[in-house]
Structures are given as structure tokens and as C-alpha cells.
C-alpha atoms as a PDB file:
ATOM      1  CA  MET A   1      -6.763   0.390  10.063  1.00  0.00           C
ATOM      2  CA  TRP A   2      -5.913   2.632   6.853  1.00  0.00           C
ATOM      3  CA  CYS A   3      -3.044   3.204   4.421  1.00  0.00           C
ATOM      4  CA  GLU A   4      -1.354   5.809   2.650  1.00  0.00           C
ATOM      5  CA  ASP A   5       0.591   6.018  -0.112  1.00  0.00           C
ATOM      6  CA  GLU A   6       1.157   8.596  -3.525  1.00  0.00           C
ATOM      7  CA  ALA A   7       0.998   6.925  -6.705  1.00  0.00           C
ATOM      8  CA  GLY A   8       3.113   8.385  -9.705  1.00  0.00           C
ATOM      9  CA  PRO A   9       4.110  10.297 -10.846  1.00  0.00           C
ATOM     10  CA  TYR A  10       2.068   9.462 -14.385  1.00  0.00           C
ATOM     11  CA  GLN A  11       3.659  10.822 -17.406  1.00  0.00           C
ATOM     12  CA  ALA A  12       0.845  12.462 -20.389  1.00  0.00           C
ATOM     13  CA  ILE A  13       2.490   9.477 -22.884  1.00  0.00           C
ATOM     14  CA  PRO A  14       1.182   6.702 -24.407  1.00  0.00           C
ATOM     15  CA  GLN A  15       0.712   4.109 -22.081  1.00  0.00           C
ATOM     16  CA  PRO A  16       1.821   0.426 -22.317  1.00  0.00           C
ATOM     17  CA  GLY A  17      -1.002  -2.300 -22.081  1.00  0.00           C
ATOM     18  CA  THR A  18      -3.601  -4.269 -24.135  1.00  0.00           C
ATOM     19  CA  SER A  19      -7.003  -1.717 -25.637  1.00  0.00           C
ATOM     20  CA  TRP A  20      -9.566  -2.829 -27.475  1.00  0.00           C
ATOM     21  CA  GLN A  21     -10.299  -1.997 -31.363  1.00  0.00           C
ATOM     22  CA  PRO A  22     -11.937  -3.134 -34.738  1.00  0.00           C
ATOM     23  CA  ALA A  23     -10.399  -5.558 -36.279  1.00  0.00           C
ATOM     24  CA  GLY A  24      -8.190  -4.672 -38.718  1.00  0.00           C
ATOM     25  CA  GLN A  25      -8.128  -1.193 -36.973  1.00  0.00           C
ATOM     26  CA  PRO A  26      -4.783  -1.634 -34.657  1.00  0.00           C
ATOM     27  CA  VAL A  27      -4.183   1.800 -32.028  1.00  0.00           C
ATOM     28  CA  ARG A  28      -2.053   4.144 -33.363  1.00  0.00           C
ATOM     29  CA  TYR A  29       0.249   6.955 -31.769  1.00  0.00           C
ATOM     30  CA  PRO A  30       0.328  10.743 -32.803  1.00  0.00           C
ATOM     31  CA  HIS A  31       4.748  10.169 -34.514  1.00  0.00           C
ATOM     32  CA  GLU A  32       5.653  13.103 -32.387  1.00  0.00           C
ATOM     33  CA  TYR A  33       6.904  12.430 -28.730  1.00  0.00           C
ATOM     34  CA  VAL A  34       5.536  15.101 -26.417  1.00  0.00           C
ATOM     35  CA  ARG A  35       5.337  15.201 -22.838  1.00  0.00           C
ATOM     36  CA  GLY A  36       2.169  16.805 -21.960  1.00  0.00           C
ATOM     37  CA  GLY A  37       3.308  16.509 -18.070  1.00  0.00           C
ATOM     38  CA  THR A  38       3.001  14.336 -15.356  1.00  0.00           C
ATOM     39  CA  ALA A  39       0.042  13.491 -12.092  1.00  0.00           C
ATOM     40  CA  LYS A  40       0.310  11.685  -9.065  1.00  0.00           C
ATOM     41  CA  LEU A  41      -2.526  10.042  -7.280  1.00  0.00           C
ATOM     42  CA  LEU A  42      -2.919  10.151  -3.407  1.00  0.00           C
ATOM     43  CA  THR A  43      -4.512   7.307  -2.156  1.00  0.00           C
ATOM     44  CA  LEU A  44      -6.344   6.136   1.809  1.00  0.00           C
ATOM     45  CA  PHE A  45      -7.064   2.513   1.683  1.00  0.00           C
ATOM     46  CA  HIS A  46      -8.941   0.774   4.339  1.00  0.00           C
ATOM     47  CA  PRO A  47      -8.843  -3.062   3.955  1.00  0.00           C
ATOM     48  CA  ALA A  48     -10.659  -4.452   5.521  1.00  0.00           C
ATOM     49  CA  THR A  49     -14.058  -3.095   3.730  1.00  0.00           C
ATOM     50  CA  GLY A  50     -12.029  -2.744   0.023  1.00  0.00           C
ATOM     51  CA  GLN A  51     -12.939   1.386   0.379  1.00  0.00           C
ATOM     52  CA  VAL A  52     -10.386   3.490  -1.385  1.00  0.00           C
ATOM     53  CA  ARG A  53     -10.075   8.087  -0.961  1.00  0.00           C
ATOM     54  CA  VAL A  54      -7.746   9.431  -3.938  1.00  0.00           C
ATOM     55  CA  LYS A  55      -7.227  12.765  -5.171  1.00  0.00           C
ATOM     56  CA  GLY A  56      -5.502  13.526  -8.281  1.00  0.00           C
ATOM     57  CA  VAL A  57      -2.824  16.207  -7.700  1.00  0.00           C
ATOM     58  CA  THR A  58      -0.094  17.392 -10.193  1.00  0.00           C
ATOM     59  CA  GLY A  59       2.489  17.495  -7.089  1.00  0.00           C
ATOM     60  CA  THR A  60       2.785  16.623  -3.749  1.00  0.00           C
ATOM     61  CA  PRO A  61       4.525  18.690  -1.467  1.00  0.00           C
ATOM     62  CA  ASN A  62       3.439  19.715   2.641  1.00  0.00           C
ATOM     63  CA  THR A  63       1.375  21.903   1.446  1.00  0.00           C
ATOM     64  CA  VAL A  64      -0.910  19.456  -0.641  1.00  0.00           C
ATOM     65  CA  LEU A  65      -0.021  16.660   1.101  1.00  0.00           C
ATOM     66  CA  HIS A  66      -1.349  17.045   4.721  1.00  0.00           C
ATOM     67  CA  PRO A  67      -4.155  19.319   4.352  1.00  0.00           C
ATOM     68  CA  TRP A  68      -5.753  16.329   2.456  1.00  0.00           C
ATOM     69  CA  LEU A  69      -4.947  13.982   4.714  1.00  0.00           C
ATOM     70  CA  ARG A  70      -6.158  16.063   7.468  1.00  0.00           C
ATOM     71  CA  GLN A  71      -9.486  16.842   5.912  1.00  0.00           C
ATOM     72  CA  GLU A  72      -9.813  12.809   5.297  1.00  0.00           C
ATOM     73  CA  LEU A  73      -8.756  10.974   8.087  1.00  0.00           C
ATOM     74  CA  ALA A  74     -11.167  13.742  10.462  1.00  0.00           C
ATOM     75  CA  ALA A  75     -14.291  12.280   8.349  1.00  0.00           C
ATOM     76  CA  ILE A  76     -12.588   8.854   9.427  1.00  0.00           C
ATOM     77  CA  VAL A  77     -12.373   9.928  12.320  1.00  0.00           C
ATOM     78  CA  ALA A  78     -16.016  11.463  13.200  1.00  0.00           C
ATOM     79  CA  ALA A  79     -17.610   8.319  11.322  1.00  0.00           C
ATOM     80  CA  LEU A  80     -15.940   5.984  13.976  1.00  0.00           C
ATOM     81  CA  PRO A  81     -18.582   4.406  16.463  1.00  0.00           C
ATOM     82  CA  PRO A  82     -17.459   5.967  19.665  1.00  0.00           C
ATOM     83  CA  PRO A  83     -15.879   3.962  22.115  1.00  0.00           C
ATOM     84  CA  SER A  84     -17.751   1.561  24.060  1.00  0.00           C
ATOM     85  CA  ALA A  85     -15.955   2.869  27.170  1.00  0.00           C
ATOM     86  CA  VAL A  86     -12.724   5.373  27.920  1.00  0.00           C
ATOM     87  CA  PRO A  87     -10.011   3.965  29.353  1.00  0.00           C
ATOM     88  CA  ASP A  88      -8.100   5.366  32.275  1.00  0.00           C
ATOM     89  CA  ALA A  89      -4.839   7.570  31.064  1.00  0.00           C
ATOM     90  CA  ALA A  90      -2.642   4.502  32.500  1.00  0.00           C
ATOM     91  CA  ALA A  91      -4.473   1.672  30.211  1.00  0.00           C
ATOM     92  CA  ASN A  92      -5.292   4.594  27.415  1.00  0.00           C
ATOM     93  CA  ARG A  93      -1.328   5.788  27.186  1.00  0.00           C
ATOM     94  CA  ALA A  94      -0.104   1.260  27.193  1.00  0.00           C
ATOM     95  CA  ALA A  95      -2.656   0.891  24.220  1.00  0.00           C
ATOM     96  CA  TRP A  96      -0.908   3.756  21.977  1.00  0.00           C
ATOM     97  CA  ALA A  97       3.094   2.469  23.188  1.00  0.00           C
ATOM     98  CA  ARG A  98       2.570  -1.260  22.616  1.00  0.00           C
ATOM     99  CA  TRP A  99       2.025  -0.038  19.181  1.00  0.00           C
ATOM    100  CA  GLN A 100       5.963   0.740  19.467  1.00  0.00           C
ATOM    101  CA  ASP A 101       6.983  -2.264  20.918  1.00  0.00           C
ATOM    102  CA  GLY A 102      10.074  -3.202  18.909  1.00  0.00           C
ATOM    103  CA  LEU A 103      10.701   0.134  16.976  1.00  0.00           C
ATOM    104  CA  SER A 104      14.054   1.406  17.176  1.00  0.00           C
ATOM    105  CA  VAL A 105      13.230   4.941  16.477  1.00  0.00           C
ATOM    106  CA  ARG A 106      10.184   5.811  17.958  1.00  0.00           C
ATOM    107  CA  PHE A 107       8.582   9.282  18.523  1.00  0.00           C
ATOM    108  CA  THR A 108       7.427  11.057  21.651  1.00  0.00           C
ATOM    109  CA  LEU A 109       3.915  10.182  22.450  1.00  0.00           C
ATOM    110  CA  LEU A 110       1.555  13.569  23.686  1.00  0.00           C
ATOM    111  CA  GLU A 111       1.201  14.167  27.482  1.00  0.00           C
ATOM    112  CA  ALA A 112      -2.289  14.315  27.334  1.00  0.00           C
ATOM    113  CA  LEU A 113      -3.684  11.131  24.816  1.00  0.00           C
ATOM    114  CA  PRO A 114      -6.823  10.714  22.917  1.00  0.00           C
ATOM    115  CA  PRO A 115      -8.947   7.328  23.550  1.00  0.00           C
ATOM    116  CA  LEU A 116      -6.903   5.333  20.228  1.00  0.00           C
ATOM    117  CA  ARG A 117      -9.583   5.119  17.298  1.00  0.00           C
ATOM    118  CA  LEU A 118      -7.006   4.592  14.537  1.00  0.00           C
ATOM    119  CA  LEU A 119      -3.879   2.685  13.060  1.00  0.00           C
ATOM    120  CA  LEU A 120      -2.155   4.677   9.749  1.00  0.00           C
ATOM    121  CA  ILE A 121       0.426   2.426   7.881  1.00  0.00           C
ATOM    122  CA  LEU A 122       2.481   5.549   5.610  1.00  0.00           C
ATOM    123  CA  ASP A 123       5.985   4.463   4.471  1.00  0.00           C
ATOM    124  CA  ASN A 124       8.848   6.518   5.920  1.00  0.00           C
ATOM    125  CA  LEU A 125       9.339   9.678   4.005  1.00  0.00           C
ATOM    126  CA  ALA A 126      10.526  12.480   6.076  1.00  0.00           C
ATOM    127  CA  GLY A 127       7.372  14.844   5.663  1.00  0.00           C
ATOM    128  CA  HIS A 128       4.936  11.590   6.985  1.00  0.00           C
ATOM    129  CA  LYS A 129       7.311  12.548  10.517  1.00  0.00           C
ATOM    130  CA  SER A 130       6.669  15.937  10.392  1.00  0.00           C
ATOM    131  CA  ALA A 131       6.513  17.291  13.898  1.00  0.00           C
ATOM    132  CA  VAL A 132       3.298  18.945  13.252  1.00  0.00           C
ATOM    133  CA  PHE A 133       1.568  16.618  11.906  1.00  0.00           C
ATOM    134  CA  VAL A 134       2.518  13.866  13.826  1.00  0.00           C
ATOM    135  CA  CYS A 135       0.759  15.596  16.719  1.00  0.00           C
ATOM    136  CA  TRP A 136      -2.032  16.382  14.599  1.00  0.00           C
ATOM    137  CA  LEU A 137      -2.433  13.091  14.344  1.00  0.00           C
ATOM    138  CA  MET A 138      -2.311  11.789  17.793  1.00  0.00           C
ATOM    139  CA  ALA A 139      -4.668  14.894  19.016  1.00  0.00           C
ATOM    140  CA  HIS A 140      -7.350  13.129  16.909  1.00  0.00           C
ATOM    141  CA  GLY A 141      -6.782   9.469  18.123  1.00  0.00           C
ATOM    142  CA  ILE A 142      -4.659   8.493  14.960  1.00  0.00           C
ATOM    143  CA  MET A 143      -0.957   6.308  15.080  1.00  0.00           C
ATOM    144  CA  PRO A 144       0.873   6.568  13.030  1.00  0.00           C
ATOM    145  CA  LEU A 145       3.048   3.132  11.448  1.00  0.00           C
ATOM    146  CA  TYR A 146       5.706   3.081   9.166  1.00  0.00           C
ATOM    147  CA  THR A 147       7.341   0.965   6.540  1.00  0.00           C
ATOM    148  CA  PRO A 148      10.597   0.144   7.084  1.00  0.00           C
ATOM    149  CA  LEU A 149      13.249   1.103   3.830  1.00  0.00           C
ATOM    150  CA  SER A 150      12.787  -1.840   1.498  1.00  0.00           C
ATOM    151  CA  GLY A 151       9.390  -2.683   3.004  1.00  0.00           C
ATOM    152  CA  SER A 152       6.899  -0.881   1.081  1.00  0.00           C
ATOM    153  CA  TRP A 153       5.186  -4.273   0.227  1.00  0.00           C
ATOM    154  CA  LEU A 154       3.672  -4.373   3.614  1.00  0.00           C
ATOM    155  CA  ASN A 155       1.556  -1.119   2.299  1.00  0.00           C
ATOM    156  CA  MET A 156      -1.774  -2.346   1.191  1.00  0.00           C
ATOM    157  CA  ALA A 157      -2.281   1.052  -0.599  1.00  0.00           C
ATOM    158  CA  GLU A 158      -0.011   0.411  -3.064  1.00  0.00           C
ATOM    159  CA  SER A 159      -1.477  -2.868  -4.546  1.00  0.00           C
ATOM    160  CA  ILE A 160      -4.787  -1.058  -5.029  1.00  0.00           C
ATOM    161  CA  GLN A 161      -2.655   1.864  -6.801  1.00  0.00           C
ATOM    162  CA  ARG A 162      -0.991  -0.621  -9.681  1.00  0.00           C
ATOM    163  CA  ILE A 163      -5.097  -2.435  -9.566  1.00  0.00           C
ATOM    164  CA  LEU A 164      -6.301   1.686 -10.192  1.00  0.00           C
ATOM    165  CA  VAL A 165      -3.721   2.812 -12.402  1.00  0.00           C
ATOM    166  CA  SER A 166      -4.078  -0.324 -14.512  1.00  0.00           C
ATOM    167  CA  ARG A 167      -7.663  -0.197 -15.219  1.00  0.00           C
ATOM    168  CA  ALA A 168      -7.428   3.766 -15.750  1.00  0.00           C
ATOM    169  CA  LEU A 169      -4.339   4.071 -18.363  1.00  0.00           C
ATOM    170  CA  ALA A 170      -2.961   0.748 -19.582  1.00  0.00           C
ATOM    171  CA  GLY A 171      -2.896   0.906 -23.752  1.00  0.00           C
ATOM    172  CA  GLN A 172      -4.484   4.387 -23.304  1.00  0.00           C
ATOM    173  CA  HIS A 173      -2.959   7.794 -24.216  1.00  0.00           C
ATOM    174  CA  PRO A 174      -3.796  10.763 -22.025  1.00  0.00           C
ATOM    175  CA  GLU A 175      -2.624  14.203 -23.056  1.00  0.00           C
ATOM    176  CA  SER A 176      -2.837  16.199 -20.142  1.00  0.00           C
ATOM    177  CA  PRO A 177      -2.351  15.817 -16.249  1.00  0.00           C
ATOM    178  CA  GLU A 178      -5.766  16.636 -15.914  1.00  0.00           C
ATOM    179  CA  GLN A 179      -7.329  14.143 -18.093  1.00  0.00           C
ATOM    180  CA  LEU A 180      -4.731  11.718 -16.015  1.00  0.00           C
ATOM    181  CA  ILE A 181      -6.727  12.860 -13.203  1.00  0.00           C
ATOM    182  CA  GLN A 182     -10.128  12.577 -14.760  1.00  0.00           C
ATOM    183  CA  TRP A 183      -9.941   8.422 -15.309  1.00  0.00           C
ATOM    184  CA  LEU A 184      -7.256   7.699 -12.220  1.00  0.00           C
ATOM    185  CA  GLU A 185     -10.357   9.143  -9.708  1.00  0.00           C
ATOM    186  CA  ALA A 186     -13.274   8.045 -12.017  1.00  0.00           C
ATOM    187  CA  VAL A 187     -11.938   4.972 -11.979  1.00  0.00           C
ATOM    188  CA  ALA A 188     -11.586   4.378  -8.145  1.00  0.00           C
ATOM    189  CA  ARG A 189     -15.552   6.039  -7.985  1.00  0.00           C
ATOM    190  CA  GLY A 190     -16.551   2.438 -10.147  1.00  0.00           C
ATOM    191  CA  TRP A 191     -14.397   0.356  -7.686  1.00  0.00           C
ATOM    192  CA  ASN A 192     -15.502   1.702  -4.366  1.00  0.00           C
ATOM    193  CA  ALA A 193     -18.772   1.131  -6.024  1.00  0.00           C
ATOM    194  CA  ALA A 194     -17.999  -2.706  -5.267  1.00  0.00           C
ATOM    195  CA  ALA A 195     -15.605  -2.519  -3.434  1.00  0.00           C
ATOM    196  CA  THR A 196     -13.359  -5.731  -2.674  1.00  0.00           C
ATOM    197  CA  PRO A 197     -12.195  -6.164   1.001  1.00  0.00           C
ATOM    198  CA  PHE A 198      -7.955  -7.303   1.132  1.00  0.00           C
ATOM    199  CA  VAL A 199      -7.341 -10.290   3.348  1.00  0.00           C
ATOM    200  CA  TRP A 200      -2.920 -10.489   4.673  1.00  0.00           C
ATOM    201  CA  GLY A 201      -1.589 -13.504   3.228  1.00  0.00           C
ATOM    202  CA  GLY A 202      -5.377 -15.354   2.098  1.00  0.00           C
ATOM    203  CA  LYS A 203      -5.874 -18.616  -0.053  1.00  0.00           C
ATOM    204  CA  ARG A 204      -3.002 -17.741  -2.368  1.00  0.00           C
ATOM    205  CA  ALA A 205      -0.218 -17.291   0.308  1.00  0.00           C
ATOM    206  CA  LEU A 206      -1.644 -21.213   2.196  1.00  0.00           C
ATOM    207  CA  ARG A 207      -1.010 -22.308  -1.264  1.00  0.00           C
ATOM    208  CA  ARG A 208       2.493 -20.834  -1.767  1.00  0.00           C
ATOM    209  CA  GLN A 209       3.256 -21.998   1.785  1.00  0.00           C
ATOM    210  CA  GLN A 210       1.998 -25.666   0.949  1.00  0.00           C
ATOM    211  CA  ALA A 211       3.872 -25.756  -2.201  1.00  0.00           C
ATOM    212  CA  ARG A 212       6.715 -24.475  -0.441  1.00  0.00           C
ATOM    213  CA  ALA A 213       7.386 -27.437   2.180  1.00  0.00           C
ATOM    214  CA  ARG A 214       6.744 -29.865  -0.658  1.00  0.00           C
ATOM    215  CA  ARG A 215      10.519 -28.410  -2.221  1.00  0.00           C
ATOM    216  CA  TYR A 216      13.517 -28.126  -1.312  1.00  0.00           C
ATOM    217  CA  ARG A 217      15.842 -25.887  -1.985  1.00  0.00           C
ATOM    218  CA  LEU A 218      18.986 -26.029  -3.510  1.00  0.00           C
ATOM    219  CA  GLY A 219      22.215 -23.862  -2.459  1.00  0.00           C
ATOM    220  CA  GLY A 220      23.764 -21.447  -4.945  1.00  0.00           C
ATOM    221  CA  SER A 221      20.538 -20.655  -6.638  1.00  0.00           C
ATOM    222  CA  GLY A 222      16.819 -20.183  -6.966  1.00  0.00           C
ATOM    223  CA  ALA A 223      15.912 -23.452  -8.361  1.00  0.00           C
ATOM    224  CA  LEU A 224      14.367 -25.924  -5.993  1.00  0.00           C
ATOM    225  CA  ALA A 225      14.209 -29.873  -5.995  1.00  0.00           C
ATOM    226  CA  HIS A 226      10.961 -32.008  -4.959  1.00  0.00           C
ATOM    227  CA  HIS A 227      13.355 -34.411  -2.740  1.00  0.00           C
ATOM    228  CA  PRO A 228      16.157 -33.916  -1.246  1.00  0.00           C
ATOM    229  CA  ILE A 229      19.467 -34.096  -2.770  1.00  0.00           C
ATOM    230  CA  PRO A 230      21.412 -36.837  -0.625  1.00  0.00           C
ATOM    231  CA  HIS A 231      25.052 -35.087   0.337  1.00  0.00           C
ATOM    232  CA  GLN A 232      28.049 -37.032  -0.649  1.00  0.00           C
ATOM    233  CA  GLY A 233      28.553 -40.207   1.434  1.00  0.00           C
ATOM    234  CA  MET A 234      25.214 -40.851   2.301  1.00  0.00           C
ATOM    235  CA  ASN A 235      22.612 -42.443   0.991  1.00  0.00           C
ATOM    236  CA  SER A 236      18.884 -41.261  -0.294  1.00  0.00           C
ATOM    237  CA  ASN A 237      17.305 -41.531   3.434  1.00  0.00           C
ATOM    238  CA  GLY A 238      19.956 -39.436   4.698  1.00  0.00           C
ATOM    239  CA  ASP A 239      22.049 -42.447   6.860  1.00  0.00           C
ATOM    240  CA  LYS A 240      26.320 -42.632   6.529  1.00  0.00           C
ATOM    241  CA  GLN A 241      26.866 -45.351   4.049  1.00  0.00           C
ATOM    242  CA  SER A 242      29.592 -47.330   5.044  1.00  0.00           C
ATOM    243  CA  LYS A 243      32.495 -48.239   2.904  1.00  0.00           C
END
């Protein structure tokens, strides 16, 4: 499974955040407010290994995004080990169709499908759903899966983007789109040198679940209580009180 997203635009202006400076010599920004242009970051992320593929660009029309995705995805699929066994046509189509179970909107699968090799998580931009692009993905054994509206948090590419952008730009003052692109791509290379795999949920989610299990929500607000609040006419054990 790989995740795809486009981050930005990021402006070539002083960026918020902390920075290291000699004592008594705080960072100084120019008094003129000059916008030096913007840059965006195309991202492909592999959560199982933590590896990320990025490209800095000044815009993300389909004429820029789709050629880059085709090039990177073709290389990713070519590096995968060959399938252990080629399924028959019915079993192969069933393997593709099961990823559409429960979807309210489904795209039409090709008549002749190659073995399913890769799942690609994308947001639901119109360009990601163009017939030419979707057919190219299927022809290369790639199943696109789109996050629902207000569900971009399901795409782990956004998580790695926040990490890379924070490391590259926090407290800095890029002066041009070229400098933005250079810094963002350099940080991605540094990340890949010691990549961290991402696990959905993990220990932090388990701690949150355990904490929620020990608390009781109070109606009408986001407040929580560590003990249940008895209803009127009931004792603390939830039994009705006799008058």
C-alpha cells in the first residue's frame, strides 16, 4: 500500500517556528513584506517501510502530477516481486472487486485486468478520478482508493508531509520557490536515510482507548468525568431510590 498527496502551497516568506540563534542575537526578518512565490510538494509514501518519494513543483495541474505519478508508480511496481501464482480470471476479478465493497460510488473495472499488485490511497480530487488516469492505474495492477469527504486524515501521506515541512521550513525564511523546493527535497532525502515505518493506531491509540474506557462523557459538552454521574432519583450504583 502506498499513499499519495500534494502538500502546499508554501510561500517564500518568513515561516513560523523556533530556530537556533546565538545568545543575544535573535533572528531578524526584513521589514518589507515581499512574497517570493509558492511551491508545492508531490508525495508518495510507503507506510510499511517509511520510505517517501517527493518532487517539489510550483503547481500541480494534471499535466504535472500525472506524468510524475506514472513514472514513480511504474518504478514501484517494477521493483515488486513477481506474483507467486497467476490467479484465474474469475478469482483475479474478485480480488479487485472486493476493494469496492461498501462504496457508494464505484468506477468500472477493465474487462482484462492484470494481477492486483498495489493499493494507492488518494484524496477525492477530480483529477485523480479522470478516466485516462484510472485506466492507466488498473492496467498496471494498481487499485486506487479514495478518501471520503472530510476524511483526509485517513491518508498517512499527510502525516509524513507535516513532519517533512516542519523540519524543512519551521523558523526559516525561504526567498524563492526554488529554495523551498531544494529544502523540502533535501529533508525527504534525510528522512529516507533512516526512515521510520508508520503503524495505524499503534501504542498511542491503545493508550487513548484505555483512557476513554476509564472516563464518562457528560452530555452537552466535551467534558469527562472519572465516575458515572447518577441520574436524579438514583443512587451512585444506578438503583432507583425509594421515597
